[in-house]
Amino acid sequence: MAANQIVIRNLTEHSQVNGVVTGQEFQTLIHHLYREVLE
């Protein structure tokens, strides 16, 4: 779970640099993390 938080934090920092994270990108990330947690 800690790794997932790192991924989210890295994505957040990355998107702040680039301006935004699109809803689609965020949805895809959440879906991927959810699948990892459920497995």
Protein backbone atom coordinates (compact mmCIF):
# COMPACT_ATOMS: atom_id res chain seq x y z
CA MET A 1 0.00 0.00 0.00
CA ALA A 2 2.90 2.33 0.71
CA ALA A 3 4.09 1.80 -2.85
CA ASN A 4 0.67 2.85 -4.16
CA GLN A 5 0.84 6.06 -2.14
CA ILE A 6 4.25 6.77 -3.63
CA VAL A 7 2.87 6.23 -7.14
CA ILE A 8 -0.03 8.58 -6.45
CA ARG A 9 2.31 11.20 -4.97
CA ASN A 10 4.67 10.94 -7.94
CA LEU A 11 1.74 11.26 -10.35
CA THR A 12 0.45 14.28 -8.44
CA GLU A 13 3.84 16.01 -8.52
CA HIS A 14 4.28 15.13 -12.18
CA SER A 15 0.88 16.54 -13.10
CA GLN A 16 1.53 19.73 -11.16
CA VAL A 17 4.60 20.21 -13.34
CA ASN A 18 2.64 19.48 -16.51
CA GLY A 19 -0.41 21.46 -15.42
CA VAL A 20 -3.16 18.89 -15.00
CA VAL A 21 -4.03 15.24 -14.80
CA THR A 22 -6.91 14.41 -17.07
CA GLY A 23 -9.89 12.65 -15.54
CA GLN A 24 -9.18 9.68 -17.78
CA GLU A 25 -5.58 9.32 -16.58
CA PHE A 26 -6.65 9.55 -12.95
CA GLN A 27 -9.47 7.04 -13.48
CA THR A 28 -7.05 4.62 -15.12
CA LEU A 29 -4.58 4.97 -12.24
CA ILE A 30 -7.25 4.42 -9.59
CA HIS A 31 -8.58 1.39 -11.47
CA HIS A 32 -5.07 -0.09 -11.68
CA LEU A 33 -4.35 0.51 -7.99
CA TYR A 34 -7.72 -0.95 -7.00
CA ARG A 35 -6.98 -4.09 -8.99
CA GLU A 36 -3.59 -4.46 -7.26
CA VAL A 37 -5.17 -4.05 -3.83
CA LEU A 38 -7.94 -6.55 -4.56
CA GLU A 39 -5.48 -9.14 -5.84
